[in-house]
N, C-alpha and C. Protein backbone atom coordinates (compact mmCIF):
# COMPACT_ATOMS: atom_id res chain seq x y z
N MET A 1 1.54 -6.71 15.40
CA MET A 1 1.23 -6.14 14.10
C MET A 1 2.08 -5.08 13.74
N GLY A 2 1.91 -4.31 12.57
CA GLY A 2 2.79 -3.35 12.23
C GLY A 2 3.90 -3.63 11.37
N THR A 3 3.99 -4.94 10.83
CA THR A 3 5.25 -5.20 10.16
C THR A 3 5.06 -5.04 8.76
N LYS A 4 3.87 -5.30 8.08
CA LYS A 4 3.68 -5.18 6.73
C LYS A 4 2.13 -5.03 6.52
N PRO A 5 1.92 -4.42 5.26
CA PRO A 5 0.40 -4.48 4.99
C PRO A 5 -0.25 -5.57 4.86
N MET A 6 -1.43 -5.80 5.31
CA MET A 6 -2.34 -6.86 5.39
C MET A 6 -3.62 -6.69 5.25
N VAL A 7 -4.39 -7.64 4.77
CA VAL A 7 -5.86 -7.62 4.45
C VAL A 7 -6.51 -8.61 5.37
N PHE A 8 -7.71 -8.10 6.10
CA PHE A 8 -8.35 -8.91 7.11
C PHE A 8 -9.87 -8.78 6.75
N PRO A 9 -10.40 -9.83 6.90
CA PRO A 9 -12.07 -9.89 6.87
C PRO A 9 -12.81 -9.03 7.95
N LEU A 10 -13.84 -8.32 7.53
CA LEU A 10 -14.43 -7.52 8.60
C LEU A 10 -15.70 -8.19 9.07
N ASP A 11 -16.20 -9.14 8.15
CA ASP A 11 -17.41 -9.93 8.65
C ASP A 11 -17.24 -11.36 8.68
N THR A 12 -18.13 -12.03 9.20
CA THR A 12 -17.96 -13.56 9.41
C THR A 12 -18.07 -14.34 8.01
N HIS A 13 -18.89 -13.69 7.14
CA HIS A 13 -18.93 -14.21 5.94
C HIS A 13 -18.09 -14.06 4.81
N GLY A 14 -17.04 -13.09 5.07
CA GLY A 14 -16.04 -12.91 4.27
C GLY A 14 -16.37 -12.03 2.95
N HIS A 15 -17.34 -11.19 3.17
CA HIS A 15 -17.89 -10.29 2.15
C HIS A 15 -17.00 -9.00 2.13
N VAL A 16 -16.78 -8.40 3.28
CA VAL A 16 -16.15 -7.19 3.49
C VAL A 16 -14.78 -7.31 4.02
N TYR A 17 -13.56 -6.72 3.32
CA TYR A 17 -12.44 -6.85 4.02
C TYR A 17 -11.81 -5.42 4.16
N VAL A 18 -10.72 -5.34 4.94
CA VAL A 18 -10.17 -4.11 5.36
C VAL A 18 -8.59 -4.31 5.03
N LEU A 19 -8.02 -3.29 4.52
CA LEU A 19 -6.44 -3.38 4.15
C LEU A 19 -5.84 -2.42 5.29
N HIS A 20 -4.78 -2.92 5.99
CA HIS A 20 -4.18 -2.17 6.91
C HIS A 20 -2.75 -2.02 6.36
N ASN A 21 -2.17 -0.75 6.63
CA ASN A 21 -0.69 -0.31 6.21
C ASN A 21 0.27 -0.84 7.20
N GLU A 22 1.47 -0.74 6.89
CA GLU A 22 2.54 -0.89 7.97
C GLU A 22 2.39 -0.46 9.24
N ALA A 23 1.78 0.84 9.42
CA ALA A 23 1.39 1.31 10.91
C ALA A 23 0.19 0.91 11.41
N ASP A 24 -0.39 -0.17 10.83
CA ASP A 24 -1.68 -0.86 11.30
C ASP A 24 -2.86 0.03 11.23
N GLU A 25 -2.62 1.01 10.38
CA GLU A 25 -3.84 1.91 10.14
C GLU A 25 -4.60 1.37 8.80
N PRO A 26 -6.03 1.51 9.06
CA PRO A 26 -6.86 1.12 8.00
C PRO A 26 -6.74 2.03 6.75
N VAL A 27 -6.46 1.36 5.56
CA VAL A 27 -6.24 2.07 4.32
C VAL A 27 -7.46 2.21 3.49
N CYS A 28 -8.16 1.05 3.37
CA CYS A 28 -9.45 0.97 2.73
C CYS A 28 -10.21 -0.25 3.18
N THR A 29 -11.61 -0.17 2.85
CA THR A 29 -12.41 -1.35 2.98
C THR A 29 -13.20 -1.75 1.64
N GLY A 30 -13.47 -3.00 1.56
CA GLY A 30 -14.20 -3.22 0.20
C GLY A 30 -14.16 -4.82 0.16
N SER A 31 -14.30 -5.11 -1.19
CA SER A 31 -14.37 -6.49 -1.60
C SER A 31 -12.82 -7.16 -1.27
N ARG A 32 -12.67 -8.61 -1.18
CA ARG A 32 -11.46 -8.99 -1.08
C ARG A 32 -10.56 -8.61 -2.27
N GLU A 33 -11.05 -8.72 -3.43
CA GLU A 33 -10.23 -8.33 -4.79
C GLU A 33 -9.84 -6.92 -4.54
N THR A 34 -10.64 -5.93 -4.24
CA THR A 34 -10.39 -4.52 -4.09
C THR A 34 -9.02 -4.35 -3.06
N CYS A 35 -9.34 -5.05 -1.92
CA CYS A 35 -8.26 -4.89 -0.92
C CYS A 35 -6.89 -5.53 -1.58
N TYR A 36 -6.80 -6.66 -2.37
CA TYR A 36 -5.67 -7.28 -2.51
C TYR A 36 -5.14 -6.48 -3.87
N ARG A 37 -5.99 -5.86 -4.74
CA ARG A 37 -5.37 -5.12 -5.86
C ARG A 37 -4.58 -3.91 -5.22
N LEU A 38 -5.20 -3.16 -4.23
CA LEU A 38 -4.53 -1.87 -3.68
C LEU A 38 -3.37 -2.52 -2.99
N LEU A 39 -3.23 -3.60 -2.29
CA LEU A 39 -2.08 -4.04 -1.52
C LEU A 39 -1.01 -4.16 -2.65
N GLY A 40 -1.31 -4.70 -3.84
CA GLY A 40 -0.28 -5.12 -4.86
C GLY A 40 0.24 -3.64 -5.26
N ILE A 41 -0.69 -2.67 -5.53
CA ILE A 41 -0.14 -1.32 -5.92
C ILE A 41 0.80 -0.86 -4.76
N MET A 42 0.20 -0.76 -3.58
CA MET A 42 1.07 -0.39 -2.39
C MET A 42 2.57 -0.98 -2.30
N LEU A 43 2.50 -2.31 -2.76
CA LEU A 43 3.94 -3.11 -2.58
C LEU A 43 4.71 -2.76 -3.79
N GLU A 44 4.10 -2.48 -5.06
CA GLU A 44 4.91 -2.11 -6.23
C GLU A 44 5.41 -0.70 -6.07
N VAL A 45 4.79 0.33 -5.38
CA VAL A 45 5.25 1.53 -5.07
C VAL A 45 6.43 1.53 -4.07
N LYS A 46 6.24 0.73 -2.99
CA LYS A 46 7.21 0.55 -2.14
C LYS A 46 8.57 -0.07 -2.75
N LYS A 47 8.39 -0.90 -3.55
CA LYS A 47 9.34 -1.70 -4.24
C LYS A 47 10.23 -0.69 -5.21
N ARG A 48 9.51 0.22 -5.96
CA ARG A 48 10.23 1.16 -6.71
C ARG A 48 10.78 2.26 -5.85
N ALA A 49 10.23 2.69 -4.85
CA ALA A 49 10.85 3.73 -3.97
C ALA A 49 12.23 3.13 -3.18
N ASP A 50 12.11 2.02 -2.84
CA ASP A 50 13.34 1.31 -2.45
C ASP A 50 14.42 1.15 -3.29
N GLU A 51 14.12 1.08 -4.70
CA GLU A 51 15.08 0.80 -5.72
C GLU A 51 15.72 2.41 -5.96
N MET A 52 15.12 3.33 -5.69
CA MET A 52 15.40 4.70 -6.16
C MET A 52 16.66 5.15 -5.25
N ASP A 53 17.28 6.03 -5.70
CA ASP A 53 18.25 6.76 -4.85
C ASP A 53 17.62 7.73 -3.89
N MET A 54 17.51 7.43 -2.68
CA MET A 54 16.56 8.21 -1.62
C MET A 54 17.35 9.58 -1.24
N LYS A 55 18.75 9.76 -1.68
CA LYS A 55 19.38 10.77 -1.06
C LYS A 55 19.37 12.15 -1.90
N THR A 56 19.00 11.86 -3.15
CA THR A 56 19.01 12.83 -4.10
C THR A 56 17.68 13.76 -4.44
N VAL A 57 16.65 13.09 -4.00
CA VAL A 57 15.36 13.83 -4.42
C VAL A 57 14.53 13.88 -3.04
N GLU A 58 13.71 15.03 -3.11
CA GLU A 58 12.76 15.49 -1.76
C GLU A 58 11.97 14.21 -1.71
N PRO A 59 11.29 13.94 -0.34
CA PRO A 59 10.52 13.06 -0.13
C PRO A 59 9.24 12.87 -0.92
N ILE A 60 8.50 14.07 -1.03
CA ILE A 60 7.14 14.13 -1.83
C ILE A 60 7.58 13.80 -3.35
N GLU A 61 8.80 13.95 -3.92
CA GLU A 61 9.10 13.68 -5.27
C GLU A 61 9.29 12.23 -5.41
N GLN A 62 9.87 11.60 -4.41
CA GLN A 62 10.26 10.17 -4.35
C GLN A 62 8.80 9.48 -4.42
N ILE A 63 7.80 9.75 -3.67
CA ILE A 63 6.54 9.29 -3.90
C ILE A 63 5.99 9.41 -5.15
N ALA A 64 6.02 10.48 -5.73
CA ALA A 64 5.33 10.74 -7.01
C ALA A 64 6.05 9.88 -8.03
N GLN A 65 7.55 9.87 -7.92
CA GLN A 65 8.18 9.10 -8.93
C GLN A 65 8.04 7.55 -8.84
N ALA A 66 8.00 7.11 -7.51
CA ALA A 66 7.83 5.64 -7.37
C ALA A 66 6.38 5.18 -7.69
N ALA A 67 5.39 6.19 -7.74
CA ALA A 67 4.00 5.91 -8.06
C ALA A 67 3.83 5.82 -9.75
N GLY A 68 4.86 6.48 -10.41
CA GLY A 68 4.82 6.66 -11.84
C GLY A 68 4.38 7.89 -12.26
N ALA A 69 4.17 8.81 -11.35
CA ALA A 69 3.69 10.02 -11.92
C ALA A 69 4.76 11.07 -12.05
N GLY A 70 5.87 10.83 -11.66
CA GLY A 70 7.09 11.63 -11.88
C GLY A 70 7.66 11.66 -13.28
N SER A 71 8.61 12.57 -13.49
CA SER A 71 9.08 12.58 -14.90
C SER A 71 10.58 12.03 -14.84
């Protein structure tokens, strides 16, 4: 594990899910829809961060800009 964010079921009925990040750390638990929506947001932020020039901006500013909060 530890290659990309993934969603896993936490119960045998498939009512509760957990989202793990690239470091295999749990990010959130909730319904399947909640976990997949957050996964989509995480992947979009990562995509935007990868498209940015990482050499000219401080790391915290990169995260804010990738998330759409930067100016």
